[in-house]
Amino acid sequence: MQPVQKLIGMSIKLARTKRSIPQAKLAEKIGIEASYLSRIERGVVPVSCERIYEIIHVLRCKPSEIFPEPDDVKTKINGES
C-alpha cells in the first residue's frame, strides 16, 4: 500500500503520458510551474482536490483514472500508518 498523494501522483503521470501531453503543457494549462507538477506526479507534495479536478478536466479523463481504490491507500485507520 502507498500513501494517497503518491498513488494520485502516479495516476496523474500515467494519464498524462497515455495522452502524450508534455508535463510543461499540462502545467501551463492549469497555471502552475512544470517543476511543481513534477513534484505532484512524484507524490512529494500534496495536491488539492480542486487542482486534481483541473487536471482531470484538461486530460479529459475519468476521476477513477486518478483516484485510487480505498483498499489500496495506506491510512491510519486501516492500520498501515
PDB file of N, CA and C in Angstrom:
ATOM      1  N   MET A   1       0.828  -1.184   0.000  1.00  0.00           N
ATOM      2  CA  MET A   1       0.000   0.000   0.000  1.00  0.00           C
ATOM      3  C   MET A   1       0.875   1.250   0.000  1.00  0.00           C
ATOM      4  N   GLN A   2       0.377   2.264  -0.649  1.00  0.00           N
ATOM      5  CA  GLN A   2       1.100   3.525  -0.796  1.00  0.00           C
ATOM      6  C   GLN A   2       0.297   4.666  -0.161  1.00  0.00           C
ATOM      7  N   PRO A   3       0.976   5.743   0.227  1.00  0.00           N
ATOM      8  CA  PRO A   3       0.245   6.945   0.650  1.00  0.00           C
ATOM      9  C   PRO A   3      -0.567   7.498  -0.522  1.00  0.00           C
ATOM     10  N   VAL A   4      -1.702   8.099  -0.216  1.00  0.00           N
ATOM     11  CA  VAL A   4      -2.624   8.554  -1.260  1.00  0.00           C
ATOM     12  C   VAL A   4      -1.982   9.567  -2.207  1.00  0.00           C
ATOM     13  N   GLN A   5      -1.175  10.508  -1.699  1.00  0.00           N
ATOM     14  CA  GLN A   5      -0.604  11.503  -2.616  1.00  0.00           C
ATOM     15  C   GLN A   5       0.344  10.859  -3.613  1.00  0.00           C
ATOM     16  N   LYS A   6       1.011   9.793  -3.224  1.00  0.00           N
ATOM     17  CA  LYS A   6       1.904   9.070  -4.140  1.00  0.00           C
ATOM     18  C   LYS A   6       1.081   8.368  -5.227  1.00  0.00           C
ATOM     19  N   LEU A   7       0.002   7.698  -4.822  1.00  0.00           N
ATOM     20  CA  LEU A   7      -0.839   6.998  -5.791  1.00  0.00           C
ATOM     21  C   LEU A   7      -1.498   7.958  -6.775  1.00  0.00           C
ATOM     22  N   ILE A   8      -2.002   9.073  -6.265  1.00  0.00           N
ATOM     23  CA  ILE A   8      -2.632  10.063  -7.146  1.00  0.00           C
ATOM     24  C   ILE A   8      -1.599  10.638  -8.110  1.00  0.00           C
ATOM     25  N   GLY A   9      -0.414  10.959  -7.611  1.00  0.00           N
ATOM     26  CA  GLY A   9       0.642  11.490  -8.472  1.00  0.00           C
ATOM     27  C   GLY A   9       1.011  10.533  -9.595  1.00  0.00           C
ATOM     28  N   MET A  10       1.155   9.259  -9.244  1.00  0.00           N
ATOM     29  CA  MET A  10       1.489   8.257 -10.259  1.00  0.00           C
ATOM     30  C   MET A  10       0.367   8.136 -11.293  1.00  0.00           C
ATOM     31  N   SER A  11      -0.873   8.225 -10.830  1.00  0.00           N
ATOM     32  CA  SER A  11      -2.015   8.134 -11.742  1.00  0.00           C
ATOM     33  C   SER A  11      -2.090   9.338 -12.683  1.00  0.00           C
ATOM     34  N   ILE A  12      -1.783  10.515 -12.155  1.00  0.00           N
ATOM     35  CA  ILE A  12      -1.771  11.713 -12.995  1.00  0.00           C
ATOM     36  C   ILE A  12      -0.710  11.566 -14.084  1.00  0.00           C
ATOM     37  N   LYS A  13       0.465  11.133 -13.700  1.00  0.00           N
ATOM     38  CA  LYS A  13       1.544  10.960 -14.680  1.00  0.00           C
ATOM     39  C   LYS A  13       1.156   9.931 -15.742  1.00  0.00           C
ATOM     40  N   LEU A  14       0.577   8.819 -15.309  1.00  0.00           N
ATOM     41  CA  LEU A  14       0.169   7.782 -16.255  1.00  0.00           C
ATOM     42  C   LEU A  14      -0.885   8.308 -17.228  1.00  0.00           C
ATOM     43  N   ALA A  15      -1.895   8.995 -16.706  1.00  0.00           N
ATOM     44  CA  ALA A  15      -2.952   9.544 -17.566  1.00  0.00           C
ATOM     45  C   ALA A  15      -2.376  10.562 -18.546  1.00  0.00           C
ATOM     46  N   ARG A  16      -1.448  11.387 -18.076  1.00  0.00           N
ATOM     47  CA  ARG A  16      -0.837  12.411 -18.931  1.00  0.00           C
ATOM     48  C   ARG A  16      -0.002  11.773 -20.036  1.00  0.00           C
ATOM     49  N   THR A  17       0.814  10.792 -19.677  1.00  0.00           N
ATOM     50  CA  THR A  17       1.686  10.171 -20.681  1.00  0.00           C
ATOM     51  C   THR A  17       0.883   9.323 -21.669  1.00  0.00           C
ATOM     52  N   LYS A  18      -0.207   8.697 -21.217  1.00  0.00           N
ATOM     53  CA  LYS A  18      -1.068   7.938 -22.133  1.00  0.00           C
ATOM     54  C   LYS A  18      -1.652   8.840 -23.212  1.00  0.00           C
ATOM     55  N   ARG A  19      -1.824  10.112 -22.884  1.00  0.00           N
ATOM     56  CA  ARG A  19      -2.393  11.061 -23.827  1.00  0.00           C
ATOM     57  C   ARG A  19      -1.318  11.869 -24.552  1.00  0.00           C
ATOM     58  N   SER A  20      -0.076  11.516 -24.321  1.00  0.00           N
ATOM     59  CA  SER A  20       1.065  12.184 -24.962  1.00  0.00           C
ATOM     60  C   SER A  20       1.064  13.695 -24.737  1.00  0.00           C
ATOM     61  N   ILE A  21       0.727  14.099 -23.531  1.00  0.00           N
ATOM     62  CA  ILE A  21       0.737  15.519 -23.186  1.00  0.00           C
ATOM     63  C   ILE A  21       2.001  15.801 -22.387  1.00  0.00           C
ATOM     64  N   PRO A  22       2.846  16.686 -22.871  1.00  0.00           N
ATOM     65  CA  PRO A  22       4.062  17.017 -22.126  1.00  0.00           C
ATOM     66  C   PRO A  22       3.729  17.640 -20.768  1.00  0.00           C
ATOM     67  N   GLN A  23       4.577  17.382 -19.815  1.00  0.00           N
ATOM     68  CA  GLN A  23       4.395  17.914 -18.466  1.00  0.00           C
ATOM     69  C   GLN A  23       4.271  19.438 -18.489  1.00  0.00           C
ATOM     70  N   ALA A  24       5.111  20.092 -19.273  1.00  0.00           N
ATOM     71  CA  ALA A  24       5.093  21.555 -19.344  1.00  0.00           C
ATOM     72  C   ALA A  24       3.763  22.078 -19.887  1.00  0.00           C
ATOM     73  N   LYS A  25       3.180  21.370 -20.845  1.00  0.00           N
ATOM     74  CA  LYS A  25       1.906  21.808 -21.429  1.00  0.00           C
ATOM     75  C   LYS A  25       0.770  21.668 -20.424  1.00  0.00           C
ATOM     76  N   LEU A  26       0.727  20.553 -19.707  1.00  0.00           N
ATOM     77  CA  LEU A  26      -0.312  20.379 -18.693  1.00  0.00           C
ATOM     78  C   LEU A  26      -0.159  21.431 -17.599  1.00  0.00           C
ATOM     79  N   ALA A  27       1.061  21.641 -17.159  1.00  0.00           N
ATOM     80  CA  ALA A  27       1.316  22.635 -16.118  1.00  0.00           C
ATOM     81  C   ALA A  27       0.847  24.016 -16.559  1.00  0.00           C
ATOM     82  N   GLU A  28       1.150  24.378 -17.782  1.00  0.00           N
ATOM     83  CA  GLU A  28       0.738  25.687 -18.305  1.00  0.00           C
ATOM     84  C   GLU A  28      -0.784  25.823 -18.322  1.00  0.00           C
ATOM     85  N   LYS A  29      -1.466  24.776 -18.751  1.00  0.00           N
ATOM     86  CA  LYS A  29      -2.928  24.828 -18.866  1.00  0.00           C
ATOM     87  C   LYS A  29      -3.607  24.972 -17.509  1.00  0.00           C
ATOM     88  N   ILE A  30      -2.977  24.465 -16.444  1.00  0.00           N
ATOM     89  CA  ILE A  30      -3.607  24.581 -15.118  1.00  0.00           C
ATOM     90  C   ILE A  30      -2.968  25.692 -14.278  1.00  0.00           C
ATOM     91  N   GLY A  31      -2.026  26.408 -14.885  1.00  0.00           N
ATOM     92  CA  GLY A  31      -1.475  27.594 -14.240  1.00  0.00           C
ATOM     93  C   GLY A  31      -0.460  27.349 -13.137  1.00  0.00           C
ATOM     94  N   ILE A  32       0.343  26.308 -13.307  1.00  0.00           N
ATOM     95  CA  ILE A  32       1.410  26.042 -12.335  1.00  0.00           C
ATOM     96  C   ILE A  32       2.730  25.830 -13.074  1.00  0.00           C
ATOM     97  N   GLU A  33       3.817  25.856 -12.332  1.00  0.00           N
ATOM     98  CA  GLU A  33       5.136  25.580 -12.905  1.00  0.00           C
ATOM     99  C   GLU A  33       5.279  24.082 -13.190  1.00  0.00           C
ATOM    100  N   ALA A  34       6.008  23.747 -14.225  1.00  0.00           N
ATOM    101  CA  ALA A  34       6.252  22.345 -14.559  1.00  0.00           C
ATOM    102  C   ALA A  34       6.967  21.627 -13.418  1.00  0.00           C
ATOM    103  N   SER A  35       7.842  22.331 -12.724  1.00  0.00           N
ATOM    104  CA  SER A  35       8.558  21.707 -11.601  1.00  0.00           C
ATOM    105  C   SER A  35       7.598  21.328 -10.474  1.00  0.00           C
ATOM    106  N   TYR A  36       6.550  22.140 -10.273  1.00  0.00           N
ATOM    107  CA  TYR A  36       5.554  21.817  -9.251  1.00  0.00           C
ATOM    108  C   TYR A  36       4.737  20.597  -9.681  1.00  0.00           C
ATOM    109  N   LEU A  37       4.356  20.533 -10.958  1.00  0.00           N
ATOM    110  CA  LEU A  37       3.640  19.361 -11.466  1.00  0.00           C
ATOM    111  C   LEU A  37       4.503  18.116 -11.318  1.00  0.00           C
ATOM    112  N   SER A  38       5.779  18.242 -11.560  1.00  0.00           N
ATOM    113  CA  SER A  38       6.689  17.116 -11.387  1.00  0.00           C
ATOM    114  C   SER A  38       6.659  16.607  -9.947  1.00  0.00           C
ATOM    115  N   ARG A  39       6.653  17.526  -8.994  1.00  0.00           N
ATOM    116  CA  ARG A  39       6.592  17.128  -7.578  1.00  0.00           C
ATOM    117  C   ARG A  39       5.251  16.479  -7.241  1.00  0.00           C
ATOM    118  N   ILE A  40       4.171  16.963  -7.856  1.00  0.00           N
ATOM    119  CA  ILE A  40       2.862  16.329  -7.658  1.00  0.00           C
ATOM    120  C   ILE A  40       2.901  14.901  -8.180  1.00  0.00           C
ATOM    121  N   GLU A  41       3.419  14.735  -9.391  1.00  0.00           N
ATOM    122  CA  GLU A  41       3.461  13.405 -10.010  1.00  0.00           C
ATOM    123  C   GLU A  41       4.343  12.423  -9.245  1.00  0.00           C
ATOM    124  N   ARG A  42       5.348  12.927  -8.580  1.00  0.00           N
ATOM    125  CA  ARG A  42       6.221  12.055  -7.779  1.00  0.00           C
ATOM    126  C   ARG A  42       5.650  11.808  -6.382  1.00  0.00           C
ATOM    127  N   GLY A  43       4.571  12.502  -6.041  1.00  0.00           N
ATOM    128  CA  GLY A  43       3.960  12.336  -4.732  1.00  0.00           C
ATOM    129  C   GLY A  43       4.721  13.017  -3.619  1.00  0.00           C
ATOM    130  N   VAL A  44       5.532  14.010  -3.975  1.00  0.00           N
ATOM    131  CA  VAL A  44       6.358  14.724  -2.998  1.00  0.00           C
ATOM    132  C   VAL A  44       5.549  15.792  -2.278  1.00  0.00           C
ATOM    133  N   VAL A  45       4.588  16.386  -2.976  1.00  0.00           N
ATOM    134  CA  VAL A  45       3.750  17.432  -2.382  1.00  0.00           C
ATOM    135  C   VAL A  45       2.283  17.008  -2.474  1.00  0.00           C
ATOM    136  N   PRO A  46       1.481  17.393  -1.490  1.00  0.00           N
ATOM    137  CA  PRO A  46       0.042  17.103  -1.592  1.00  0.00           C
ATOM    138  C   PRO A  46      -0.595  18.017  -2.631  1.00  0.00           C
ATOM    139  N   VAL A  47      -1.695  17.571  -3.175  1.00  0.00           N
ATOM    140  CA  VAL A  47      -2.391  18.343  -4.205  1.00  0.00           C
ATOM    141  C   VAL A  47      -3.855  18.474  -3.791  1.00  0.00           C
ATOM    142  N   SER A  48      -4.414  19.659  -3.991  1.00  0.00           N
ATOM    143  CA  SER A  48      -5.803  19.899  -3.597  1.00  0.00           C
ATOM    144  C   SER A  48      -6.763  19.169  -4.537  1.00  0.00           C
ATOM    145  N   CYS A  49      -7.958  18.914  -4.031  1.00  0.00           N
ATOM    146  CA  CYS A  49      -8.997  18.301  -4.870  1.00  0.00           C
ATOM    147  C   CYS A  49      -9.331  19.197  -6.059  1.00  0.00           C
ATOM    148  N   GLU A  50      -9.360  20.494  -5.823  1.00  0.00           N
ATOM    149  CA  GLU A  50      -9.651  21.428  -6.907  1.00  0.00           C
ATOM    150  C   GLU A  50      -8.618  21.288  -8.032  1.00  0.00           C
ATOM    151  N   ARG A  51      -7.348  21.212  -7.676  1.00  0.00           N
ATOM    152  CA  ARG A  51      -6.285  21.074  -8.672  1.00  0.00           C
ATOM    153  C   ARG A  51      -6.410  19.727  -9.396  1.00  0.00           C
ATOM    154  N   ILE A  52      -6.747  18.687  -8.665  1.00  0.00           N
ATOM    155  CA  ILE A  52      -6.917  17.370  -9.292  1.00  0.00           C
ATOM    156  C   ILE A  52      -8.021  17.427 -10.339  1.00  0.00           C
ATOM    157  N   TYR A  53      -9.128  18.094 -10.008  1.00  0.00           N
ATOM    158  CA  TYR A  53     -10.216  18.178 -10.973  1.00  0.00           C
ATOM    159  C   TYR A  53      -9.856  19.058 -12.163  1.00  0.00           C
ATOM    160  N   GLU A  54      -9.002  20.053 -11.978  1.00  0.00           N
ATOM    161  CA  GLU A  54      -8.499  20.822 -13.116  1.00  0.00           C
ATOM    162  C   GLU A  54      -7.698  19.906 -14.041  1.00  0.00           C
ATOM    163  N   ILE A  55      -6.870  19.065 -13.436  1.00  0.00           N
ATOM    164  CA  ILE A  55      -6.060  18.114 -14.211  1.00  0.00           C
ATOM    165  C   ILE A  55      -6.968  17.136 -14.948  1.00  0.00           C
ATOM    166  N   ILE A  56      -7.975  16.605 -14.256  1.00  0.00           N
ATOM    167  CA  ILE A  56      -8.930  15.678 -14.888  1.00  0.00           C
ATOM    168  C   ILE A  56      -9.604  16.350 -16.083  1.00  0.00           C
ATOM    169  N   HIS A  57      -9.991  17.599 -15.905  1.00  0.00           N
ATOM    170  CA  HIS A  57     -10.647  18.333 -16.993  1.00  0.00           C
ATOM    171  C   HIS A  57      -9.715  18.488 -18.202  1.00  0.00           C
ATOM    172  N   VAL A  58      -8.494  18.917 -17.961  1.00  0.00           N
ATOM    173  CA  VAL A  58      -7.543  19.131 -19.059  1.00  0.00           C
ATOM    174  C   VAL A  58      -7.194  17.807 -19.742  1.00  0.00           C
ATOM    175  N   LEU A  59      -7.005  16.749 -18.956  1.00  0.00           N
ATOM    176  CA  LEU A  59      -6.649  15.450 -19.536  1.00  0.00           C
ATOM    177  C   LEU A  59      -7.848  14.727 -20.140  1.00  0.00           C
ATOM    178  N   ARG A  60      -9.061  15.230 -19.820  1.00  0.00           N
ATOM    179  CA  ARG A  60     -10.288  14.584 -20.290  1.00  0.00           C
ATOM    180  C   ARG A  60     -10.316  13.109 -19.911  1.00  0.00           C
ATOM    181  N   CYS A  61     -10.072  12.888 -18.635  1.00  0.00           N
ATOM    182  CA  CYS A  61     -10.115  11.527 -18.136  1.00  0.00           C
ATOM    183  C   CYS A  61     -11.191  11.422 -17.057  1.00  0.00           C
ATOM    184  N   LYS A  62     -11.455  10.217 -16.635  1.00  0.00           N
ATOM    185  CA  LYS A  62     -12.440   9.980 -15.589  1.00  0.00           C
ATOM    186  C   LYS A  62     -11.756  10.084 -14.231  1.00  0.00           C
ATOM    187  N   PRO A  63     -12.479  10.549 -13.220  1.00  0.00           N
ATOM    188  CA  PRO A  63     -11.885  10.597 -11.876  1.00  0.00           C
ATOM    189  C   PRO A  63     -11.331   9.241 -11.428  1.00  0.00           C
ATOM    190  N   SER A  64     -11.963   8.164 -11.864  1.00  0.00           N
ATOM    191  CA  SER A  64     -11.497   6.826 -11.480  1.00  0.00           C
ATOM    192  C   SER A  64     -10.100   6.512 -12.018  1.00  0.00           C
ATOM    193  N   GLU A  65      -9.654   7.240 -13.048  1.00  0.00           N
ATOM    194  CA  GLU A  65      -8.286   7.063 -13.541  1.00  0.00           C
ATOM    195  C   GLU A  65      -7.264   7.669 -12.586  1.00  0.00           C
ATOM    196  N   ILE A  66      -7.697   8.642 -11.802  1.00  0.00           N
ATOM    197  CA  ILE A  66      -6.785   9.379 -10.935  1.00  0.00           C
ATOM    198  C   ILE A  66      -6.875   8.932  -9.484  1.00  0.00           C
ATOM    199  N   PHE A  67      -8.100   8.750  -8.993  1.00  0.00           N
ATOM    200  CA  PHE A  67      -8.282   8.398  -7.588  1.00  0.00           C
ATOM    201  C   PHE A  67      -8.149   6.890  -7.382  1.00  0.00           C
ATOM    202  N   PRO A  68      -7.295   6.460  -6.440  1.00  0.00           N
ATOM    203  CA  PRO A  68      -7.107   5.033  -6.188  1.00  0.00           C
ATOM    204  C   PRO A  68      -8.287   4.431  -5.415  1.00  0.00           C
ATOM    205  N   GLU A  69      -8.367   3.138  -5.467  1.00  0.00           N
ATOM    206  CA  GLU A  69      -9.359   2.411  -4.669  1.00  0.00           C
ATOM    207  C   GLU A  69      -8.994   2.560  -3.194  1.00  0.00           C
ATOM    208  N   PRO A  70      -9.972   2.722  -2.326  1.00  0.00           N
ATOM    209  CA  PRO A  70      -9.686   2.912  -0.898  1.00  0.00           C
ATOM    210  C   PRO A  70      -8.809   1.814  -0.286  1.00  0.00           C
ATOM    211  N   ASP A  71      -8.985   0.584  -0.711  1.00  0.00           N
ATOM    212  CA  ASP A  71      -8.189  -0.511  -0.147  1.00  0.00           C
ATOM    213  C   ASP A  71      -6.714  -0.440  -0.532  1.00  0.00           C
ATOM    214  N   ASP A  72      -6.384   0.354  -1.552  1.00  0.00           N
ATOM    215  CA  ASP A  72      -5.003   0.493  -1.999  1.00  0.00           C
ATOM    216  C   ASP A  72      -4.259   1.609  -1.278  1.00  0.00           C
ATOM    217  N   VAL A  73      -4.982   2.376  -0.457  1.00  0.00           N
ATOM    218  CA  VAL A  73      -4.405   3.557   0.186  1.00  0.00           C
ATOM    219  C   VAL A  73      -3.996   3.253   1.621  1.00  0.00           C
ATOM    220  N   LYS A  74      -2.791   3.637   1.933  1.00  0.00           N
ATOM    221  CA  LYS A  74      -2.259   3.493   3.286  1.00  0.00           C
ATOM    222  C   LYS A  74      -2.807   4.610   4.159  1.00  0.00           C
ATOM    223  N   THR A  75      -3.503   4.248   5.237  1.00  0.00           N
ATOM    224  CA  THR A  75      -4.068   5.237   6.155  1.00  0.00           C
ATOM    225  C   THR A  75      -3.848   4.808   7.606  1.00  0.00           C
ATOM    226  N   LYS A  76      -4.094   5.715   8.513  1.00  0.00           N
ATOM    227  CA  LYS A  76      -4.022   5.399   9.940  1.00  0.00           C
ATOM    228  C   LYS A  76      -5.154   4.441  10.326  1.00  0.00           C
ATOM    229  N   ILE A  77      -6.283   4.581   9.675  1.00  0.00           N
ATOM    230  CA  ILE A  77      -7.464   3.784  10.016  1.00  0.00           C
ATOM    231  C   ILE A  77      -7.284   2.309   9.677  1.00  0.00           C
ATOM    232  N   ASN A  78      -6.653   2.020   8.557  1.00  0.00           N
ATOM    233  CA  ASN A  78      -6.526   0.622   8.173  1.00  0.00           C
ATOM    234  C   ASN A  78      -5.300  -0.059   8.789  1.00  0.00           C
ATOM    235  N   GLY A  79      -4.678   0.617   9.764  1.00  0.00           N
ATOM    236  CA  GLY A  79      -3.570   0.006  10.488  1.00  0.00           C
ATOM    237  C   GLY A  79      -2.248   0.012   9.740  1.00  0.00           C
ATOM    238  N   GLU A  80      -2.177   0.749   8.680  1.00  0.00           N
ATOM    239  CA  GLU A  80      -0.957   0.773   7.863  1.00  0.00           C
ATOM    240  C   GLU A  80      -0.198   2.090   8.028  1.00  0.00           C
ATOM    241  N   SER A  81      -0.396   2.809   9.109  1.00  0.00           N
ATOM    242  CA  SER A  81       0.241   4.114   9.269  1.00  0.00           C
ATOM    243  C   SER A  81       1.733   4.008   9.476  1.00  0.00           C
TER     244      SER A  81
END
